[in-house]
Structures are given as C-alpha cells and as structure tokens.
PDB file of N, CA and C in Angstrom:
ATOM      1  N   MET A   1      21.360  -9.218  71.585  1.00  0.00           N
ATOM      2  CA  MET A   1      20.211 -10.100  71.671  1.00  0.00           C
ATOM      3  C   MET A   1      18.946  -9.251  71.803  1.00  0.00           C
ATOM      4  N   ALA A   2      17.911  -9.639  71.044  1.00  0.00           N
ATOM      5  CA  ALA A   2      16.658  -8.887  71.041  1.00  0.00           C
ATOM      6  C   ALA A   2      15.848  -9.210  72.296  1.00  0.00           C
ATOM      7  N   THR A   3      15.065  -8.240  72.729  1.00  0.00           N
ATOM      8  CA  THR A   3      14.191  -8.466  73.886  1.00  0.00           C
ATOM      9  C   THR A   3      12.900  -9.123  73.422  1.00  0.00           C
ATOM     10  N   TYR A   4      12.159  -9.607  74.384  1.00  0.00           N
ATOM     11  CA  TYR A   4      10.866 -10.233  74.100  1.00  0.00           C
ATOM     12  C   TYR A   4       9.952  -9.248  73.369  1.00  0.00           C
ATOM     13  N   GLN A   5       9.855  -8.014  73.861  1.00  0.00           N
ATOM     14  CA  GLN A   5       8.988  -6.997  73.249  1.00  0.00           C
ATOM     15  C   GLN A   5       9.393  -6.727  71.808  1.00  0.00           C
ATOM     16  N   GLU A   6      10.682  -6.687  71.528  1.00  0.00           N
ATOM     17  CA  GLU A   6      11.155  -6.443  70.160  1.00  0.00           C
ATOM     18  C   GLU A   6      10.748  -7.584  69.232  1.00  0.00           C
ATOM     19  N   ILE A   7      10.847  -8.799  69.733  1.00  0.00           N
ATOM     20  CA  ILE A   7      10.471  -9.956  68.919  1.00  0.00           C
ATOM     21  C   ILE A   7       8.964  -9.954  68.667  1.00  0.00           C
ATOM     22  N   VAL A   8       8.177  -9.645  69.689  1.00  0.00           N
ATOM     23  CA  VAL A   8       6.718  -9.581  69.524  1.00  0.00           C
ATOM     24  C   VAL A   8       6.366  -8.505  68.496  1.00  0.00           C
ATOM     25  N   GLN A   9       7.015  -7.374  68.552  1.00  0.00           N
ATOM     26  CA  GLN A   9       6.786  -6.289  67.589  1.00  0.00           C
ATOM     27  C   GLN A   9       7.123  -6.747  66.176  1.00  0.00           C
ATOM     28  N   LYS A  10       8.268  -7.429  66.039  1.00  0.00           N
ATOM     29  CA  LYS A  10       8.690  -7.911  64.728  1.00  0.00           C
ATOM     30  C   LYS A  10       7.690  -8.943  64.184  1.00  0.00           C
ATOM     31  N   ILE A  11       7.204  -9.824  65.051  1.00  0.00           N
ATOM     32  CA  ILE A  11       6.197 -10.819  64.642  1.00  0.00           C
ATOM     33  C   ILE A  11       4.953 -10.106  64.130  1.00  0.00           C
ATOM     34  N   SER A  12       4.519  -9.094  64.845  1.00  0.00           N
ATOM     35  CA  SER A  12       3.341  -8.327  64.446  1.00  0.00           C
ATOM     36  C   SER A  12       3.540  -7.695  63.072  1.00  0.00           C
ATOM     37  N   GLU A  13       4.704  -7.110  62.851  1.00  0.00           N
ATOM     38  CA  GLU A  13       5.007  -6.493  61.560  1.00  0.00           C
ATOM     39  C   GLU A  13       5.022  -7.535  60.440  1.00  0.00           C
ATOM     40  N   LEU A  14       5.632  -8.690  60.715  1.00  0.00           N
ATOM     41  CA  LEU A  14       5.694  -9.749  59.705  1.00  0.00           C
ATOM     42  C   LEU A  14       4.310 -10.306  59.388  1.00  0.00           C
ATOM     43  N   GLN A  15       3.455 -10.417  60.412  1.00  0.00           N
ATOM     44  CA  GLN A  15       2.092 -10.887  60.170  1.00  0.00           C
ATOM     45  C   GLN A  15       1.330  -9.905  59.286  1.00  0.00           C
ATOM     46  N   LYS A  16       1.527  -8.630  59.517  1.00  0.00           N
ATOM     47  CA  LYS A  16       0.878  -7.612  58.700  1.00  0.00           C
ATOM     48  C   LYS A  16       1.362  -7.715  57.255  1.00  0.00           C
ATOM     49  N   GLN A  17       2.674  -7.876  57.066  1.00  0.00           N
ATOM     50  CA  GLN A  17       3.231  -8.032  55.727  1.00  0.00           C
ATOM     51  C   GLN A  17       2.680  -9.280  55.045  1.00  0.00           C
ATOM     52  N   ALA A  18       2.587 -10.373  55.804  1.00  0.00           N
ATOM     53  CA  ALA A  18       2.078 -11.626  55.246  1.00  0.00           C
ATOM     54  C   ALA A  18       0.636 -11.457  54.776  1.00  0.00           C
ATOM     55  N   GLU A  19      -0.190 -10.770  55.553  1.00  0.00           N
ATOM     56  CA  GLU A  19      -1.583 -10.541  55.165  1.00  0.00           C
ATOM     57  C   GLU A  19      -1.672  -9.710  53.892  1.00  0.00           C
ATOM     58  N   GLU A  20      -0.819  -8.691  53.770  1.00  0.00           N
ATOM     59  CA  GLU A  20      -0.815  -7.855  52.567  1.00  0.00           C
ATOM     60  C   GLU A  20      -0.415  -8.670  51.340  1.00  0.00           C
ATOM     61  N   ILE A  21       0.618  -9.489  51.486  1.00  0.00           N
ATOM     62  CA  ILE A  21       1.070 -10.333  50.372  1.00  0.00           C
ATOM     63  C   ILE A  21      -0.009 -11.335  50.001  1.00  0.00           C
ATOM     64  N   LYS A  22      -0.622 -11.932  51.004  1.00  0.00           N
ATOM     65  CA  LYS A  22      -1.697 -12.905  50.754  1.00  0.00           C
ATOM     66  C   LYS A  22      -2.839 -12.253  49.986  1.00  0.00           C
ATOM     67  N   ALA A  23      -3.226 -11.051  50.364  1.00  0.00           N
ATOM     68  CA  ALA A  23      -4.320 -10.351  49.682  1.00  0.00           C
ATOM     69  C   ALA A  23      -3.970 -10.098  48.220  1.00  0.00           C
ATOM     70  N   ARG A  24      -2.734  -9.684  47.957  1.00  0.00           N
ATOM     71  CA  ARG A  24      -2.307  -9.439  46.571  1.00  0.00           C
ATOM     72  C   ARG A  24      -2.321 -10.739  45.770  1.00  0.00           C
ATOM     73  N   GLU A  25      -1.757 -11.797  46.323  1.00  0.00           N
ATOM     74  CA  GLU A  25      -1.687 -13.080  45.619  1.00  0.00           C
ATOM     75  C   GLU A  25      -3.078 -13.679  45.449  1.00  0.00           C
ATOM     76  N   GLN A  26      -3.937 -13.491  46.433  1.00  0.00           N
ATOM     77  CA  GLN A  26      -5.281 -14.059  46.390  1.00  0.00           C
ATOM     78  C   GLN A  26      -6.061 -13.504  45.195  1.00  0.00           C
ATOM     79  N   ALA A  27      -5.933 -12.228  44.938  1.00  0.00           N
ATOM     80  CA  ALA A  27      -6.634 -11.625  43.807  1.00  0.00           C
ATOM     81  C   ALA A  27      -6.197 -12.278  42.497  1.00  0.00           C
ATOM     82  N   ALA A  28      -4.902 -12.544  42.351  1.00  0.00           N
ATOM     83  CA  ALA A  28      -4.390 -13.179  41.130  1.00  0.00           C
ATOM     84  C   ALA A  28      -4.885 -14.617  41.018  1.00  0.00           C
ATOM     85  N   VAL A  29      -4.922 -15.331  42.138  1.00  0.00           N
ATOM     86  CA  VAL A  29      -5.385 -16.720  42.137  1.00  0.00           C
ATOM     87  C   VAL A  29      -6.864 -16.775  41.758  1.00  0.00           C
ATOM     88  N   ILE A  30      -7.664 -15.894  42.325  1.00  0.00           N
ATOM     89  CA  ILE A  30      -9.099 -15.865  42.010  1.00  0.00           C
ATOM     90  C   ILE A  30      -9.314 -15.572  40.529  1.00  0.00           C
ATOM     91  N   ALA A  31      -8.565 -14.627  39.998  1.00  0.00           N
ATOM     92  CA  ALA A  31      -8.685 -14.301  38.577  1.00  0.00           C
ATOM     93  C   ALA A  31      -8.326 -15.510  37.720  1.00  0.00           C
ATOM     94  N   ASP A  32      -7.271 -16.229  38.100  1.00  0.00           N
ATOM     95  CA  ASP A  32      -6.846 -17.414  37.355  1.00  0.00           C
ATOM     96  C   ASP A  32      -7.913 -18.507  37.415  1.00  0.00           C
ATOM     97  N   ILE A  33      -8.482 -18.709  38.591  1.00  0.00           N
ATOM     98  CA  ILE A  33      -9.517 -19.736  38.741  1.00  0.00           C
ATOM     99  C   ILE A  33     -10.741 -19.388  37.900  1.00  0.00           C
ATOM    100  N   ARG A  34     -11.157 -18.133  37.947  1.00  0.00           N
ATOM    101  CA  ARG A  34     -12.319 -17.708  37.153  1.00  0.00           C
ATOM    102  C   ARG A  34     -12.069 -17.929  35.665  1.00  0.00           C
ATOM    103  N   GLU A  35     -10.848 -17.620  35.228  1.00  0.00           N
ATOM    104  CA  GLU A  35     -10.487 -17.816  33.819  1.00  0.00           C
ATOM    105  C   GLU A  35     -10.589 -19.288  33.433  1.00  0.00           C
ATOM    106  N   LYS A  36     -10.075 -20.162  34.297  1.00  0.00           N
ATOM    107  CA  LYS A  36     -10.115 -21.605  34.019  1.00  0.00           C
ATOM    108  C   LYS A  36     -11.551 -22.136  34.021  1.00  0.00           C
ATOM    109  N   ILE A  37     -12.370 -21.642  34.938  1.00  0.00           N
ATOM    110  CA  ILE A  37     -13.767 -22.066  34.996  1.00  0.00           C
ATOM    111  C   ILE A  37     -14.468 -21.713  33.693  1.00  0.00           C
ATOM    112  N   GLU A  38     -14.236 -20.493  33.216  1.00  0.00           N
ATOM    113  CA  GLU A  38     -14.854 -20.062  31.965  1.00  0.00           C
ATOM    114  C   GLU A  38     -14.284 -20.837  30.783  1.00  0.00           C
ATOM    115  N   GLN A  39     -12.980 -21.031  30.767  1.00  0.00           N
ATOM    116  CA  GLN A  39     -12.307 -21.721  29.669  1.00  0.00           C
ATOM    117  C   GLN A  39     -12.817 -23.149  29.508  1.00  0.00           C
ATOM    118  N   TYR A  40     -13.007 -23.849  30.623  1.00  0.00           N
ATOM    119  CA  TYR A  40     -13.414 -25.248  30.570  1.00  0.00           C
ATOM    120  C   TYR A  40     -14.915 -25.449  30.773  1.00  0.00           C
ATOM    121  N   GLY A  41     -15.654 -24.385  30.991  1.00  0.00           N
ATOM    122  CA  GLY A  41     -17.092 -24.485  31.158  1.00  0.00           C
ATOM    123  C   GLY A  41     -17.492 -25.266  32.407  1.00  0.00           C
ATOM    124  N   LEU A  42     -16.747 -25.103  33.473  1.00  0.00           N
ATOM    125  CA  LEU A  42     -17.008 -25.838  34.703  1.00  0.00           C
ATOM    126  C   LEU A  42     -18.213 -25.261  35.433  1.00  0.00           C
ATOM    127  N   THR A  43     -18.943 -26.138  36.130  1.00  0.00           N
ATOM    128  CA  THR A  43     -20.098 -25.714  36.922  1.00  0.00           C
ATOM    129  C   THR A  43     -19.797 -25.937  38.402  1.00  0.00           C
ATOM    130  N   ALA A  44     -20.695 -25.427  39.246  1.00  0.00           N
ATOM    131  CA  ALA A  44     -20.541 -25.620  40.693  1.00  0.00           C
ATOM    132  C   ALA A  44     -20.561 -27.110  41.015  1.00  0.00           C
ATOM    133  N   GLU A  45     -21.397 -27.875  40.317  1.00  0.00           N
ATOM    134  CA  GLU A  45     -21.460 -29.323  40.553  1.00  0.00           C
ATOM    135  C   GLU A  45     -20.131 -29.992  40.203  1.00  0.00           C
ATOM    136  N   ASP A  46     -19.506 -29.542  39.091  1.00  0.00           N
ATOM    137  CA  ASP A  46     -18.206 -30.095  38.698  1.00  0.00           C
ATOM    138  C   ASP A  46     -17.163 -29.881  39.792  1.00  0.00           C
ATOM    139  N   LEU A  47     -17.276 -28.764  40.490  1.00  0.00           N
ATOM    140  CA  LEU A  47     -16.304 -28.422  41.521  1.00  0.00           C
ATOM    141  C   LEU A  47     -16.697 -28.930  42.897  1.00  0.00           C
ATOM    142  N   GLY A  48     -17.851 -29.603  42.992  1.00  0.00           N
ATOM    143  CA  GLY A  48     -18.269 -30.175  44.263  1.00  0.00           C
ATOM    144  C   GLY A  48     -19.045 -29.218  45.147  1.00  0.00           C
ATOM    145  N   PHE A  49     -19.616 -28.154  44.552  1.00  0.00           N
ATOM    146  CA  PHE A  49     -20.335 -27.167  45.348  1.00  0.00           C
ATOM    147  C   PHE A  49     -21.831 -27.146  45.087  1.00  0.00           C
ATOM    148  N   GLY A  50     -22.327 -27.945  44.168  1.00  0.00           N
ATOM    149  CA  GLY A  50     -23.727 -27.849  43.774  1.00  0.00           C
ATOM    150  C   GLY A  50     -24.630 -28.832  44.477  1.00  0.00           C
ATOM    151  N   ALA A  51     -25.817 -29.004  43.918  1.00  0.00           N
ATOM    152  CA  ALA A  51     -26.841 -29.880  44.490  1.00  0.00           C
ATOM    153  C   ALA A  51     -26.375 -31.330  44.536  1.00  0.00           C
ATOM    154  N   LYS A  52     -25.666 -31.776  43.507  1.00  0.00           N
ATOM    155  CA  LYS A  52     -25.178 -33.161  43.505  1.00  0.00           C
ATOM    156  C   LYS A  52     -24.219 -33.405  44.662  1.00  0.00           C
ATOM    157  N   ALA A  53     -23.360 -32.448  44.933  1.00  0.00           N
ATOM    158  CA  ALA A  53     -22.398 -32.591  46.032  1.00  0.00           C
ATOM    159  C   ALA A  53     -23.119 -32.629  47.367  1.00  0.00           C
ATOM    160  N   ALA A  54     -24.135 -31.794  47.526  1.00  0.00           N
ATOM    161  CA  ALA A  54     -24.897 -31.777  48.776  1.00  0.00           C
ATOM    162  C   ALA A  54     -25.634 -33.095  48.972  1.00  0.00           C
ATOM    163  N   ALA A  55     -26.170 -33.658  47.897  1.00  0.00           N
ATOM    164  CA  ALA A  55     -26.862 -34.936  47.999  1.00  0.00           C
ATOM    165  C   ALA A  55     -25.894 -36.042  48.387  1.00  0.00           C
ATOM    166  N   GLY A  56     -24.679 -35.984  47.877  1.00  0.00           N
ATOM    167  CA  GLY A  56     -23.668 -36.977  48.227  1.00  0.00           C
ATOM    168  C   GLY A  56     -23.295 -36.914  49.688  1.00  0.00           C
ATOM    169  N   LYS A  57     -23.244 -35.712  50.235  1.00  0.00           N
ATOM    170  CA  LYS A  57     -22.917 -35.561  51.647  1.00  0.00           C
ATOM    171  C   LYS A  57     -24.028 -36.129  52.511  1.00  0.00           C
ATOM    172  N   LYS A  58     -25.277 -35.901  52.112  1.00  0.00           N
ATOM    173  CA  LYS A  58     -26.396 -36.413  52.891  1.00  0.00           C
ATOM    174  C   LYS A  58     -26.404 -37.939  52.885  1.00  0.00           C
ATOM    175  N   ALA A  59     -26.000 -38.528  51.775  1.00  0.00           N
ATOM    176  CA  ALA A  59     -25.989 -39.989  51.700  1.00  0.00           C
ATOM    177  C   ALA A  59     -25.014 -40.569  52.726  1.00  0.00           C
ATOM    178  N   GLY A  60     -23.919 -39.881  52.985  1.00  0.00           N
ATOM    179  CA  GLY A  60     -22.933 -40.360  53.937  1.00  0.00           C
ATOM    180  C   GLY A  60     -23.401 -40.284  55.379  1.00  0.00           C
ATOM    181  N   VAL A  61     -24.390 -39.452  55.648  1.00  0.00           N
ATOM    182  CA  VAL A  61     -24.866 -39.269  57.016  1.00  0.00           C
ATOM    183  C   VAL A  61     -25.552 -40.530  57.528  1.00  0.00           C
ATOM    184  N   ASN A  62     -26.196 -41.273  56.651  1.00  0.00           N
ATOM    185  CA  ASN A  62     -26.967 -42.442  57.065  1.00  0.00           C
ATOM    186  C   ASN A  62     -26.162 -43.731  57.049  1.00  0.00           C
ATOM    187  N   ARG A  63     -24.868 -43.627  57.196  1.00  0.00           N
ATOM    188  CA  ARG A  63     -24.042 -44.832  57.205  1.00  0.00           C
ATOM    189  C   ARG A  63     -24.369 -45.699  58.403  1.00  0.00           C
ATOM    190  N   LYS A  64     -24.281 -46.990  58.213  1.00  0.00           N
ATOM    191  CA  LYS A  64     -24.496 -47.932  59.310  1.00  0.00           C
ATOM    192  C   LYS A  64     -23.323 -47.860  60.267  1.00  0.00           C
ATOM    193  N   VAL A  65     -23.633 -47.865  61.547  1.00  0.00           N
ATOM    194  CA  VAL A  65     -22.617 -47.856  62.584  1.00  0.00           C
ATOM    195  C   VAL A  65     -22.482 -49.280  63.094  1.00  0.00           C
ATOM    196  N   PRO A  66     -21.263 -49.793  63.224  1.00  0.00           N
ATOM    197  CA  PRO A  66     -21.109 -51.170  63.677  1.00  0.00           C
ATOM    198  C   PRO A  66     -21.570 -51.352  65.127  1.00  0.00           C
ATOM    199  N   VAL A  67     -22.093 -52.523  65.389  1.00  0.00           N
ATOM    200  CA  VAL A  67     -22.540 -52.873  66.742  1.00  0.00           C
ATOM    201  C   VAL A  67     -21.319 -53.069  67.622  1.00  0.00           C
ATOM    202  N   ARG A  68     -21.347 -52.471  68.818  1.00  0.00           N
ATOM    203  CA  ARG A  68     -20.212 -52.602  69.740  1.00  0.00           C
ATOM    204  C   ARG A  68     -20.557 -53.458  70.955  1.00  0.00           C
ATOM    205  N   TYR A  69     -21.844 -53.566  71.284  1.00  0.00           N
ATOM    206  CA  TYR A  69     -22.261 -54.289  72.482  1.00  0.00           C
ATOM    207  C   TYR A  69     -23.370 -55.274  72.126  1.00  0.00           C
ATOM    208  N   ARG A  70     -23.304 -56.474  72.721  1.00  0.00           N
ATOM    209  CA  ARG A  70     -24.308 -57.509  72.476  1.00  0.00           C
ATOM    210  C   ARG A  70     -24.455 -58.347  73.731  1.00  0.00           C
ATOM    211  N   ASP A  71     -25.701 -58.720  74.050  1.00  0.00           N
ATOM    212  CA  ASP A  71     -25.915 -59.608  75.195  1.00  0.00           C
ATOM    213  C   ASP A  71     -26.227 -61.018  74.694  1.00  0.00           C
ATOM    214  N   SER A  72     -26.382 -61.951  75.605  1.00  0.00           N
ATOM    215  CA  SER A  72     -26.623 -63.348  75.236  1.00  0.00           C
ATOM    216  C   SER A  72     -27.972 -63.547  74.569  1.00  0.00           C
ATOM    217  N   ALA A  73     -28.907 -62.623  74.769  1.00  0.00           N
ATOM    218  CA  ALA A  73     -30.224 -62.731  74.148  1.00  0.00           C
ATOM    219  C   ALA A  73     -30.235 -62.166  72.732  1.00  0.00           C
ATOM    220  N   GLY A  74     -29.115 -61.618  72.293  1.00  0.00           N
ATOM    221  CA  GLY A  74     -29.030 -61.079  70.942  1.00  0.00           C
ATOM    222  C   GLY A  74     -29.332 -59.592  70.839  1.00  0.00           C
ATOM    223  N   ASN A  75     -29.599 -58.938  71.962  1.00  0.00           N
ATOM    224  CA  ASN A  75     -29.809 -57.492  71.943  1.00  0.00           C
ATOM    225  C   ASN A  75     -28.496 -56.800  71.629  1.00  0.00           C
ATOM    226  N   THR A  76     -28.562 -55.722  70.850  1.00  0.00           N
ATOM    227  CA  THR A  76     -27.350 -55.017  70.456  1.00  0.00           C
ATOM    228  C   THR A  76     -27.474 -53.521  70.698  1.00  0.00           C
ATOM    229  N   TRP A  77     -26.305 -52.873  70.739  1.00  0.00           N
ATOM    230  CA  TRP A  77     -26.232 -51.421  70.869  1.00  0.00           C
ATOM    231  C   TRP A  77     -24.943 -50.963  70.219  1.00  0.00           C
ATOM    232  N   THR A  78     -25.002 -49.859  69.478  1.00  0.00           N
ATOM    233  CA  THR A  78     -23.819 -49.337  68.789  1.00  0.00           C
ATOM    234  C   THR A  78     -22.920 -48.533  69.702  1.00  0.00           C
ATOM    235  N   GLY A  79     -23.430 -48.133  70.861  1.00  0.00           N
ATOM    236  CA  GLY A  79     -22.665 -47.286  71.757  1.00  0.00           C
ATOM    237  C   GLY A  79     -23.018 -45.822  71.567  1.00  0.00           C
ATOM    238  N   ARG A  80     -23.946 -45.551  70.655  1.00  0.00           N
ATOM    239  CA  ARG A  80     -24.388 -44.183  70.408  1.00  0.00           C
ATOM    240  C   ARG A  80     -25.807 -44.010  70.910  1.00  0.00           C
ATOM    241  N   GLY A  81     -26.099 -42.813  71.351  1.00  0.00           N
ATOM    242  CA  GLY A  81     -27.446 -42.526  71.818  1.00  0.00           C
ATOM    243  C   GLY A  81     -27.672 -43.044  73.229  1.00  0.00           C
ATOM    244  N   LYS A  82     -28.928 -43.006  73.629  1.00  0.00           N
ATOM    245  CA  LYS A  82     -29.313 -43.424  74.982  1.00  0.00           C
ATOM    246  C   LYS A  82     -29.059 -44.918  75.164  1.00  0.00           C
ATOM    247  N   ARG A  83     -28.605 -45.299  76.335  1.00  0.00           N
ATOM    248  CA  ARG A  83     -28.396 -46.725  76.614  1.00  0.00           C
ATOM    249  C   ARG A  83     -29.726 -47.451  76.546  1.00  0.00           C
ATOM    250  N   PRO A  84     -29.740 -48.612  75.919  1.00  0.00           N
ATOM    251  CA  PRO A  84     -30.985 -49.374  75.833  1.00  0.00           C
ATOM    252  C   PRO A  84     -31.356 -49.979  77.187  1.00  0.00           C
ATOM    253  N   GLY A  85     -32.626 -50.287  77.326  1.00  0.00           N
ATOM    254  CA  GLY A  85     -33.140 -50.828  78.581  1.00  0.00           C
ATOM    255  C   GLY A  85     -32.432 -52.092  79.025  1.00  0.00           C
ATOM    256  N   TRP A  86     -32.168 -53.012  78.092  1.00  0.00           N
ATOM    257  CA  TRP A  86     -31.528 -54.273  78.478  1.00  0.00           C
ATOM    258  C   TRP A  86     -30.160 -54.036  79.104  1.00  0.00           C
ATOM    259  N   LEU A  87     -29.423 -53.026  78.604  1.00  0.00           N
ATOM    260  CA  LEU A  87     -28.104 -52.735  79.151  1.00  0.00           C
ATOM    261  C   LEU A  87     -28.226 -52.021  80.503  1.00  0.00           C
ATOM    262  N   THR A  88     -29.156 -51.104  80.598  1.00  0.00           N
ATOM    263  CA  THR A  88     -29.377 -50.392  81.854  1.00  0.00           C
ATOM    264  C   THR A  88     -29.744 -51.368  82.970  1.00  0.00           C
ATOM    265  N   GLN A  89     -30.607 -52.331  82.653  1.00  0.00           N
ATOM    266  CA  GLN A  89     -31.011 -53.337  83.649  1.00  0.00           C
ATOM    267  C   GLN A  89     -29.828 -54.214  84.050  1.00  0.00           C
ATOM    268  N   ALA A  90     -29.015 -54.593  83.079  1.00  0.00           N
ATOM    269  CA  ALA A  90     -27.857 -55.435  83.375  1.00  0.00           C
ATOM    270  C   ALA A  90     -26.849 -54.685  84.253  1.00  0.00           C
ATOM    271  N   LEU A  91     -26.669 -53.413  83.991  1.00  0.00           N
ATOM    272  CA  LEU A  91     -25.744 -52.615  84.807  1.00  0.00           C
ATOM    273  C   LEU A  91     -26.277 -52.469  86.234  1.00  0.00           C
ATOM    274  N   ALA A  92     -27.598 -52.308  86.361  1.00  0.00           N
ATOM    275  CA  ALA A  92     -28.211 -52.208  87.688  1.00  0.00           C
ATOM    276  C   ALA A  92     -28.067 -53.519  88.457  1.00  0.00           C
ATOM    277  N   ALA A  93     -27.980 -54.636  87.729  1.00  0.00           N
ATOM    278  CA  ALA A  93     -27.834 -55.951  88.344  1.00  0.00           C
ATOM    279  C   ALA A  93     -26.375 -56.272  88.679  1.00  0.00           C
ATOM    280  N   GLY A  94     -25.476 -55.318  88.411  1.00  0.00           N
ATOM    281  CA  GLY A  94     -24.086 -55.521  88.797  1.00  0.00           C
ATOM    282  C   GLY A  94     -23.144 -55.871  87.661  1.00  0.00           C
ATOM    283  N   LYS A  95     -23.644 -55.980  86.445  1.00  0.00           N
ATOM    284  CA  LYS A  95     -22.780 -56.280  85.299  1.00  0.00           C
ATOM    285  C   LYS A  95     -21.987 -55.028  84.914  1.00  0.00           C
ATOM    286  N   SER A  96     -20.994 -55.218  84.074  1.00  0.00           N
ATOM    287  CA  SER A  96     -20.165 -54.124  83.579  1.00  0.00           C
ATOM    288  C   SER A  96     -20.412 -53.959  82.083  1.00  0.00           C
ATOM    289  N   VAL A  97     -20.251 -52.761  81.591  1.00  0.00           N
ATOM    290  CA  VAL A  97     -20.421 -52.519  80.151  1.00  0.00           C
ATOM    291  C   VAL A  97     -19.439 -53.374  79.363  1.00  0.00           C
ATOM    292  N   GLU A  98     -18.242 -53.565  79.903  1.00  0.00           N
ATOM    293  CA  GLU A  98     -17.243 -54.362  79.228  1.00  0.00           C
ATOM    294  C   GLU A  98     -17.671 -55.824  79.046  1.00  0.00           C
ATOM    295  N   ASP A  99     -18.608 -56.301  79.889  1.00  0.00           N
ATOM    296  CA  ASP A  99     -19.109 -57.669  79.750  1.00  0.00           C
ATOM    297  C   ASP A  99     -19.824 -57.878  78.427  1.00  0.00           C
ATOM    298  N   PHE A 100     -20.319 -56.794  77.841  1.00  0.00           N
ATOM    299  CA  PHE A 100     -21.104 -56.873  76.614  1.00  0.00           C
ATOM    300  C   PHE A 100     -20.351 -56.385  75.398  1.00  0.00           C
ATOM    301  N   LEU A 101     -19.120 -55.947  75.578  1.00  0.00           N
ATOM    302  CA  LEU A 101     -18.327 -55.406  74.479  1.00  0.00           C
ATOM    303  C   LEU A 101     -17.947 -56.519  73.512  1.00  0.00           C
ATOM    304  N   ILE A 102     -18.161 -56.255  72.223  1.00  0.00           N
ATOM    305  CA  ILE A 102     -17.799 -57.220  71.187  1.00  0.00           C
ATOM    306  C   ILE A 102     -16.327 -57.028  70.875  1.00  0.00           C
ATOM    307  N   ARG A 103     -15.576 -58.077  70.949  1.00  0.00           N
ATOM    308  CA  ARG A 103     -14.126 -57.986  70.696  1.00  0.00           C
ATOM    309  C   ARG A 103     -13.762 -58.677  69.427  1.00  0.00           C
TER     310      ARG A 103
END
C-alpha cells in the first residue's frame, strides 16, 4: 500500500504530465481553429467577440426586475438597493418585511 506522500508525489507528476499534454494539444486546436476561421471567413462578431456581442450583453443589463414587495398604497420595491422610505417606516412601526411580500 502506498503512503500519503507517495500518492501526493504521484499526483504532482501526473498534473505536470497533464499540463504538458494540454499544451501540445492546445497548439493543434488553435491551429485548427485559425484554419477554420480563415476557410469560412469568420469575424470576431460571428464568434460573439465583437462590438455586436458587447452591445447584446449591455442590453441584458437593463432587464426589468420583478416587484417582490408591495404595500396597500401601491408602493413597490424589487428587493434590490436601499430600502424605500415607506418600507422603512412600516418596519419602524412594527410591521415585518414578510407582510409586504408578494406571493
């Protein structure tokens, strides 16, 4: 039976071998990808790396967040950011956040 130190040593050796193999294979993969890009005339935008892709990501940032809390007066809060005054006042008056949770 191998000792703990022997197993740790073997793991270290295998990790080193794996990195060497990965480096060799990576060079071949990169060459293949470059060949395909040239063959098909692909651009950074086609691959999702260009200005169009960045604009698409920005569009997703402004998504509407659903309302999670509402009081009887119609005030709402998504649960993000600073608590609104109406909720802070209600909590100070002894109410619970769960009283306003939309179910």
